[in-house]
């Protein structure tokens, strides 16, 4: 198996780590003391970026690796990079204004849908070719 999905996994985790740094910087900028999660709309949008990224990580990572089991790993990795780019677009947009998050959210959502559906097709094809349950 190619190391490309592993590299994309590490890049996705690095992106998530970076969102934590951005939240810490926003805490300082807007003077929001832990454990508070509210108090400034700009800070709250920044926190939502990190939380939403965490919410999507399991679906993304499992779909990425299952896709890579049945299809060329470089394709899984390329779609994974699209997901990371979409998350970055989402972050940039959402931090600027809530209504600017849609494009990035759509990009990352489509990437996950492709990975998930590709994994599902791969599983079904494997079951058909190898006998159900093999």
N, C-alpha and C. Protein backbone atom coordinates (compact mmCIF):
# COMPACT_ATOMS: atom_id res chain seq x y z
N UNK A 1 0.84 -1.18 0.00
CA UNK A 1 0.00 0.00 0.00
C UNK A 1 0.88 1.25 0.00
N UNK A 2 0.43 2.23 -0.67
CA UNK A 2 1.14 3.51 -0.76
C UNK A 2 1.10 4.25 0.58
N UNK A 3 2.12 5.02 0.82
CA UNK A 3 2.17 5.85 2.03
C UNK A 3 1.38 7.15 1.86
N UNK A 4 0.85 7.39 0.67
CA UNK A 4 0.15 8.66 0.43
C UNK A 4 -1.05 8.87 1.35
N UNK A 5 -1.93 7.88 1.56
CA UNK A 5 -3.02 8.12 2.51
C UNK A 5 -2.51 8.41 3.93
N UNK A 6 -1.40 7.79 4.30
CA UNK A 6 -0.82 8.08 5.61
C UNK A 6 -0.34 9.52 5.69
N UNK A 7 0.30 9.99 4.64
CA UNK A 7 0.75 11.37 4.60
C UNK A 7 -0.43 12.33 4.69
N UNK A 8 -1.49 12.05 3.94
CA UNK A 8 -2.68 12.91 3.98
C UNK A 8 -3.32 12.87 5.37
N UNK A 9 -3.32 11.71 6.01
CA UNK A 9 -3.85 11.61 7.37
C UNK A 9 -3.06 12.52 8.30
N UNK A 10 -1.75 12.48 8.20
CA UNK A 10 -0.91 13.34 9.04
C UNK A 10 -1.13 14.81 8.74
N UNK A 11 -1.30 15.15 7.46
CA UNK A 11 -1.58 16.54 7.10
C UNK A 11 -2.92 17.00 7.66
N UNK A 12 -3.93 16.12 7.61
CA UNK A 12 -5.24 16.46 8.17
C UNK A 12 -5.14 16.69 9.68
N UNK A 13 -4.39 15.83 10.35
CA UNK A 13 -4.21 15.99 11.80
C UNK A 13 -3.41 17.26 12.11
N UNK A 14 -2.43 17.57 11.28
CA UNK A 14 -1.67 18.82 11.46
C UNK A 14 -2.58 20.02 11.27
N UNK A 15 -3.47 19.95 10.29
CA UNK A 15 -4.44 21.04 10.10
C UNK A 15 -5.32 21.19 11.34
N UNK A 16 -5.79 20.08 11.89
CA UNK A 16 -6.63 20.14 13.09
C UNK A 16 -5.84 20.76 14.25
N UNK A 17 -4.59 20.35 14.41
CA UNK A 17 -3.74 20.93 15.45
C UNK A 17 -3.63 22.45 15.25
N UNK A 18 -3.45 22.85 13.99
CA UNK A 18 -3.34 24.28 13.68
C UNK A 18 -4.61 25.03 14.06
N UNK A 19 -5.78 24.41 13.87
CA UNK A 19 -7.02 25.09 14.27
C UNK A 19 -7.00 25.35 15.78
N UNK A 20 -6.39 24.47 16.55
CA UNK A 20 -6.27 24.70 17.98
C UNK A 20 -5.39 25.90 18.29
N UNK A 21 -4.33 26.06 17.52
CA UNK A 21 -3.46 27.23 17.69
C UNK A 21 -4.22 28.50 17.34
N UNK A 22 -5.01 28.45 16.28
CA UNK A 22 -5.80 29.62 15.88
C UNK A 22 -6.80 29.98 16.98
N UNK A 23 -7.41 28.97 17.60
CA UNK A 23 -8.34 29.23 18.70
C UNK A 23 -7.60 29.87 19.87
N UNK A 24 -6.43 29.36 20.20
CA UNK A 24 -5.64 29.95 21.30
C UNK A 24 -5.30 31.41 21.00
N UNK A 25 -4.93 31.69 19.77
CA UNK A 25 -4.63 33.07 19.38
C UNK A 25 -5.88 33.95 19.49
N UNK A 26 -7.03 33.40 19.09
CA UNK A 26 -8.28 34.16 19.19
C UNK A 26 -8.65 34.41 20.65
N UNK A 27 -8.40 33.43 21.52
CA UNK A 27 -8.65 33.64 22.95
C UNK A 27 -7.88 34.86 23.45
N UNK A 28 -6.62 34.93 23.08
CA UNK A 28 -5.79 36.06 23.51
C UNK A 28 -6.28 37.36 22.87
N UNK A 29 -6.56 37.32 21.58
CA UNK A 29 -6.97 38.52 20.86
C UNK A 29 -8.26 39.11 21.41
N UNK A 30 -9.24 38.24 21.73
CA UNK A 30 -10.55 38.72 22.16
C UNK A 30 -10.73 38.64 23.68
N UNK A 31 -9.64 38.31 24.38
CA UNK A 31 -9.63 38.26 25.84
C UNK A 31 -10.73 37.34 26.39
N UNK A 32 -10.78 36.14 25.85
CA UNK A 32 -11.73 35.12 26.31
C UNK A 32 -10.95 34.13 27.17
N UNK A 33 -11.16 34.17 28.45
CA UNK A 33 -10.43 33.31 29.39
C UNK A 33 -11.06 31.93 29.44
N UNK A 34 -10.21 30.90 29.43
CA UNK A 34 -10.70 29.52 29.58
C UNK A 34 -11.37 29.39 30.94
N UNK A 35 -12.43 28.65 31.05
CA UNK A 35 -13.01 27.74 30.07
C UNK A 35 -14.11 28.35 29.22
N UNK A 36 -14.27 29.66 29.24
CA UNK A 36 -15.35 30.30 28.48
C UNK A 36 -15.25 29.96 26.99
N UNK A 37 -16.39 29.75 26.37
CA UNK A 37 -16.46 29.44 24.94
C UNK A 37 -17.28 30.48 24.19
N UNK A 38 -17.77 31.48 24.91
CA UNK A 38 -18.59 32.53 24.31
C UNK A 38 -18.13 33.89 24.80
N UNK A 39 -18.69 34.90 24.19
CA UNK A 39 -18.39 36.25 24.64
C UNK A 39 -18.00 37.19 23.51
N UNK A 40 -17.65 36.63 22.37
CA UNK A 40 -17.29 37.44 21.21
C UNK A 40 -17.62 36.61 19.96
N UNK A 41 -18.38 37.18 19.05
CA UNK A 41 -18.82 36.44 17.87
C UNK A 41 -17.64 35.97 17.01
N UNK A 42 -16.61 36.79 16.89
CA UNK A 42 -15.44 36.38 16.10
C UNK A 42 -14.75 35.18 16.73
N UNK A 43 -14.62 35.19 18.04
CA UNK A 43 -14.03 34.06 18.75
C UNK A 43 -14.91 32.82 18.60
N UNK A 44 -16.21 32.98 18.74
CA UNK A 44 -17.12 31.84 18.65
C UNK A 44 -17.06 31.18 17.28
N UNK A 45 -16.93 31.95 16.22
CA UNK A 45 -16.80 31.36 14.88
C UNK A 45 -15.48 30.59 14.76
N UNK A 46 -14.43 31.11 15.36
CA UNK A 46 -13.14 30.43 15.33
C UNK A 46 -13.22 29.10 16.07
N UNK A 47 -13.87 29.08 17.21
CA UNK A 47 -14.05 27.84 17.96
C UNK A 47 -14.89 26.85 17.16
N UNK A 48 -15.91 27.34 16.46
CA UNK A 48 -16.76 26.45 15.66
C UNK A 48 -15.97 25.80 14.54
N UNK A 49 -15.00 26.51 13.98
CA UNK A 49 -14.16 25.91 12.94
C UNK A 49 -13.45 24.69 13.52
N UNK A 50 -12.84 24.85 14.69
CA UNK A 50 -12.13 23.73 15.29
C UNK A 50 -13.09 22.59 15.64
N UNK A 51 -14.22 22.92 16.22
CA UNK A 51 -15.19 21.89 16.61
C UNK A 51 -15.75 21.18 15.37
N UNK A 52 -16.07 21.94 14.34
CA UNK A 52 -16.63 21.32 13.14
C UNK A 52 -15.60 20.44 12.45
N UNK A 53 -14.34 20.85 12.49
CA UNK A 53 -13.28 20.01 11.91
C UNK A 53 -13.20 18.69 12.68
N UNK A 54 -13.26 18.75 13.99
CA UNK A 54 -13.24 17.54 14.80
C UNK A 54 -14.46 16.66 14.49
N UNK A 55 -15.61 17.27 14.30
CA UNK A 55 -16.82 16.52 13.98
C UNK A 55 -16.69 15.76 12.66
N UNK A 56 -15.98 16.34 11.70
CA UNK A 56 -15.83 15.71 10.38
C UNK A 56 -14.65 14.74 10.29
N UNK A 57 -13.68 14.85 11.19
CA UNK A 57 -12.49 14.00 11.10
C UNK A 57 -12.79 12.50 11.08
N UNK A 58 -13.64 11.97 11.95
CA UNK A 58 -13.87 10.51 11.89
C UNK A 58 -14.45 10.05 10.55
N UNK A 59 -15.42 10.77 10.04
CA UNK A 59 -16.01 10.41 8.76
C UNK A 59 -14.97 10.50 7.64
N UNK A 60 -14.16 11.54 7.67
CA UNK A 60 -13.12 11.71 6.66
C UNK A 60 -12.06 10.61 6.75
N UNK A 61 -11.51 10.39 7.94
CA UNK A 61 -10.39 9.46 8.07
C UNK A 61 -10.79 8.02 7.78
N UNK A 62 -11.93 7.60 8.30
CA UNK A 62 -12.37 6.23 8.03
C UNK A 62 -12.67 6.06 6.54
N UNK A 63 -13.35 7.03 5.95
CA UNK A 63 -13.67 6.94 4.52
C UNK A 63 -12.41 6.95 3.67
N UNK A 64 -11.44 7.79 4.03
CA UNK A 64 -10.17 7.86 3.31
C UNK A 64 -9.49 6.49 3.28
N UNK A 65 -9.35 5.86 4.44
CA UNK A 65 -8.63 4.59 4.52
C UNK A 65 -9.41 3.44 3.88
N UNK A 66 -10.72 3.46 4.03
CA UNK A 66 -11.50 2.40 3.38
C UNK A 66 -11.49 2.57 1.87
N UNK A 67 -11.55 3.80 1.39
CA UNK A 67 -11.44 4.06 -0.05
C UNK A 67 -10.10 3.53 -0.55
N UNK A 68 -9.03 3.81 0.20
CA UNK A 68 -7.68 3.39 -0.21
C UNK A 68 -7.51 1.88 -0.20
N UNK A 69 -8.37 1.17 0.50
CA UNK A 69 -8.31 -0.30 0.50
C UNK A 69 -8.77 -0.88 -0.84
N UNK A 70 -9.67 -0.17 -1.52
CA UNK A 70 -10.31 -0.72 -2.72
C UNK A 70 -9.95 -0.01 -4.01
N UNK A 71 -9.38 1.16 -3.92
CA UNK A 71 -9.05 1.97 -5.10
C UNK A 71 -7.60 2.41 -5.00
N UNK A 72 -7.02 2.91 -6.09
CA UNK A 72 -5.62 3.36 -6.02
C UNK A 72 -5.40 4.39 -4.90
N UNK A 73 -4.36 4.17 -4.13
CA UNK A 73 -4.09 5.02 -2.98
C UNK A 73 -3.85 6.48 -3.37
N UNK A 74 -3.29 6.70 -4.55
CA UNK A 74 -3.03 8.09 -4.95
C UNK A 74 -4.34 8.84 -5.18
N UNK A 75 -5.39 8.13 -5.61
CA UNK A 75 -6.69 8.78 -5.79
C UNK A 75 -7.27 9.15 -4.43
N UNK A 76 -7.19 8.20 -3.47
CA UNK A 76 -7.66 8.49 -2.11
C UNK A 76 -6.92 9.70 -1.55
N UNK A 77 -5.61 9.72 -1.74
CA UNK A 77 -4.80 10.82 -1.21
C UNK A 77 -5.17 12.15 -1.88
N UNK A 78 -5.38 12.12 -3.18
CA UNK A 78 -5.75 13.36 -3.90
C UNK A 78 -7.07 13.90 -3.38
N UNK A 79 -8.04 13.01 -3.19
CA UNK A 79 -9.34 13.46 -2.66
C UNK A 79 -9.16 13.95 -1.22
N UNK A 80 -8.28 13.30 -0.48
CA UNK A 80 -7.98 13.75 0.88
C UNK A 80 -7.39 15.15 0.91
N UNK A 81 -6.54 15.45 -0.04
CA UNK A 81 -5.98 16.81 -0.13
C UNK A 81 -7.09 17.81 -0.44
N UNK A 82 -8.03 17.42 -1.28
CA UNK A 82 -9.18 18.30 -1.57
C UNK A 82 -9.94 18.57 -0.27
N UNK A 83 -10.11 17.55 0.57
CA UNK A 83 -10.79 17.74 1.84
C UNK A 83 -10.06 18.78 2.70
N UNK A 84 -8.74 18.64 2.79
CA UNK A 84 -7.96 19.60 3.59
C UNK A 84 -8.09 21.01 3.03
N UNK A 85 -8.02 21.15 1.72
CA UNK A 85 -8.18 22.47 1.09
C UNK A 85 -9.57 23.02 1.41
N UNK A 86 -10.59 22.17 1.33
CA UNK A 86 -11.94 22.60 1.67
C UNK A 86 -12.05 23.05 3.11
N UNK A 87 -11.41 22.33 4.02
CA UNK A 87 -11.43 22.73 5.44
C UNK A 87 -10.74 24.08 5.62
N UNK A 88 -9.63 24.29 4.89
CA UNK A 88 -8.94 25.58 4.97
C UNK A 88 -9.84 26.70 4.45
N UNK A 89 -10.50 26.45 3.32
CA UNK A 89 -11.43 27.44 2.78
C UNK A 89 -12.56 27.73 3.77
N UNK A 90 -13.07 26.67 4.39
CA UNK A 90 -14.12 26.81 5.40
C UNK A 90 -13.63 27.68 6.55
N UNK A 91 -12.42 27.39 7.02
CA UNK A 91 -11.86 28.15 8.13
C UNK A 91 -11.72 29.63 7.78
N UNK A 92 -11.12 29.89 6.64
CA UNK A 92 -10.92 31.28 6.23
C UNK A 92 -12.26 32.02 6.11
N UNK A 93 -13.21 31.37 5.48
CA UNK A 93 -14.52 31.98 5.29
C UNK A 93 -15.26 32.19 6.59
N UNK A 94 -15.32 31.16 7.42
CA UNK A 94 -16.11 31.23 8.65
C UNK A 94 -15.52 32.24 9.63
N UNK A 95 -14.21 32.28 9.75
CA UNK A 95 -13.60 33.25 10.65
C UNK A 95 -13.92 34.67 10.19
N UNK A 96 -13.99 34.88 8.88
CA UNK A 96 -14.32 36.22 8.36
C UNK A 96 -15.77 36.58 8.62
N UNK A 97 -16.69 35.65 8.32
CA UNK A 97 -18.12 35.89 8.51
C UNK A 97 -18.85 34.56 8.32
N UNK A 98 -19.86 34.32 9.11
CA UNK A 98 -20.57 33.04 9.06
C UNK A 98 -21.09 32.71 7.67
N UNK A 99 -21.56 33.71 6.96
CA UNK A 99 -22.12 33.46 5.63
C UNK A 99 -21.06 33.16 4.56
N UNK A 100 -19.80 33.25 4.92
CA UNK A 100 -18.72 32.98 3.96
C UNK A 100 -18.14 31.57 4.09
N UNK A 101 -18.79 30.72 4.86
CA UNK A 101 -18.25 29.38 5.10
C UNK A 101 -18.74 28.36 4.09
N UNK A 102 -19.75 28.66 3.33
CA UNK A 102 -20.45 27.67 2.51
C UNK A 102 -19.58 26.99 1.45
N UNK A 103 -18.78 27.73 0.72
CA UNK A 103 -17.99 27.13 -0.36
C UNK A 103 -17.02 26.09 0.19
N UNK A 104 -16.28 26.44 1.23
CA UNK A 104 -15.35 25.50 1.83
C UNK A 104 -16.05 24.29 2.40
N UNK A 105 -17.20 24.52 3.03
CA UNK A 105 -17.97 23.40 3.58
C UNK A 105 -18.42 22.47 2.46
N UNK A 106 -18.85 23.04 1.35
CA UNK A 106 -19.29 22.22 0.22
C UNK A 106 -18.14 21.40 -0.36
N UNK A 107 -16.98 22.02 -0.52
CA UNK A 107 -15.81 21.32 -1.07
C UNK A 107 -15.44 20.13 -0.19
N UNK A 108 -15.31 20.35 1.10
CA UNK A 108 -14.92 19.25 1.99
C UNK A 108 -16.03 18.21 2.09
N UNK A 109 -17.28 18.64 2.06
CA UNK A 109 -18.39 17.69 2.12
C UNK A 109 -18.45 16.79 0.90
N UNK A 110 -18.22 17.36 -0.27
CA UNK A 110 -18.20 16.56 -1.50
C UNK A 110 -17.03 15.58 -1.47
N UNK A 111 -15.87 16.03 -0.99
CA UNK A 111 -14.71 15.14 -0.90
C UNK A 111 -15.02 13.94 -0.01
N UNK A 112 -15.64 14.18 1.14
CA UNK A 112 -15.99 13.08 2.03
C UNK A 112 -17.04 12.18 1.39
N UNK A 113 -18.00 12.77 0.72
CA UNK A 113 -19.04 11.96 0.06
C UNK A 113 -18.43 11.03 -0.98
N UNK A 114 -17.47 11.54 -1.75
CA UNK A 114 -16.81 10.72 -2.77
C UNK A 114 -16.03 9.59 -2.10
N UNK A 115 -15.29 9.91 -1.04
CA UNK A 115 -14.54 8.87 -0.32
C UNK A 115 -15.47 7.83 0.27
N UNK A 116 -16.55 8.27 0.91
CA UNK A 116 -17.50 7.36 1.54
C UNK A 116 -18.17 6.47 0.50
N UNK A 117 -18.68 7.08 -0.55
CA UNK A 117 -19.36 6.28 -1.58
C UNK A 117 -18.39 5.35 -2.30
N UNK A 118 -17.18 5.82 -2.55
CA UNK A 118 -16.16 4.97 -3.15
C UNK A 118 -15.83 3.78 -2.27
N UNK A 119 -15.74 4.02 -0.96
CA UNK A 119 -15.49 2.92 -0.02
C UNK A 119 -16.66 1.94 -0.01
N UNK A 120 -17.87 2.48 -0.01
CA UNK A 120 -19.06 1.63 -0.02
C UNK A 120 -19.12 0.77 -1.27
N UNK A 121 -18.85 1.37 -2.43
CA UNK A 121 -18.83 0.61 -3.68
C UNK A 121 -17.75 -0.46 -3.62
N UNK A 122 -16.58 -0.10 -3.11
CA UNK A 122 -15.50 -1.08 -2.99
C UNK A 122 -15.88 -2.25 -2.10
N UNK A 123 -16.52 -1.97 -0.98
CA UNK A 123 -16.95 -3.04 -0.07
C UNK A 123 -17.97 -3.94 -0.76
N UNK A 124 -18.96 -3.34 -1.41
CA UNK A 124 -19.99 -4.13 -2.09
C UNK A 124 -19.40 -4.97 -3.21
N UNK A 125 -18.50 -4.37 -4.00
CA UNK A 125 -17.86 -5.13 -5.08
C UNK A 125 -17.05 -6.29 -4.51
N UNK A 126 -16.36 -6.08 -3.42
CA UNK A 126 -15.58 -7.13 -2.78
C UNK A 126 -16.48 -8.24 -2.28
N UNK A 127 -17.59 -7.87 -1.69
CA UNK A 127 -18.53 -8.86 -1.19
C UNK A 127 -19.11 -9.70 -2.34
N UNK A 128 -19.44 -9.05 -3.44
CA UNK A 128 -19.99 -9.75 -4.59
C UNK A 128 -18.93 -10.67 -5.21
N UNK A 129 -17.74 -10.16 -5.38
CA UNK A 129 -16.66 -10.93 -6.02
C UNK A 129 -16.15 -12.08 -5.15
N UNK A 130 -16.20 -11.91 -3.84
CA UNK A 130 -15.62 -12.90 -2.94
C UNK A 130 -16.67 -13.69 -2.17
N UNK A 131 -17.89 -13.45 -2.45
CA UNK A 131 -18.96 -14.09 -1.67
C UNK A 131 -19.28 -13.25 -0.46
N UNK A 132 -20.53 -13.06 -0.19
CA UNK A 132 -20.97 -12.23 0.93
C UNK A 132 -20.34 -12.72 2.23
N UNK A 133 -19.79 -11.79 2.97
CA UNK A 133 -19.23 -12.11 4.28
C UNK A 133 -17.80 -12.62 4.27
N UNK A 134 -17.20 -12.75 3.10
CA UNK A 134 -15.81 -13.26 3.03
C UNK A 134 -14.83 -12.18 3.39
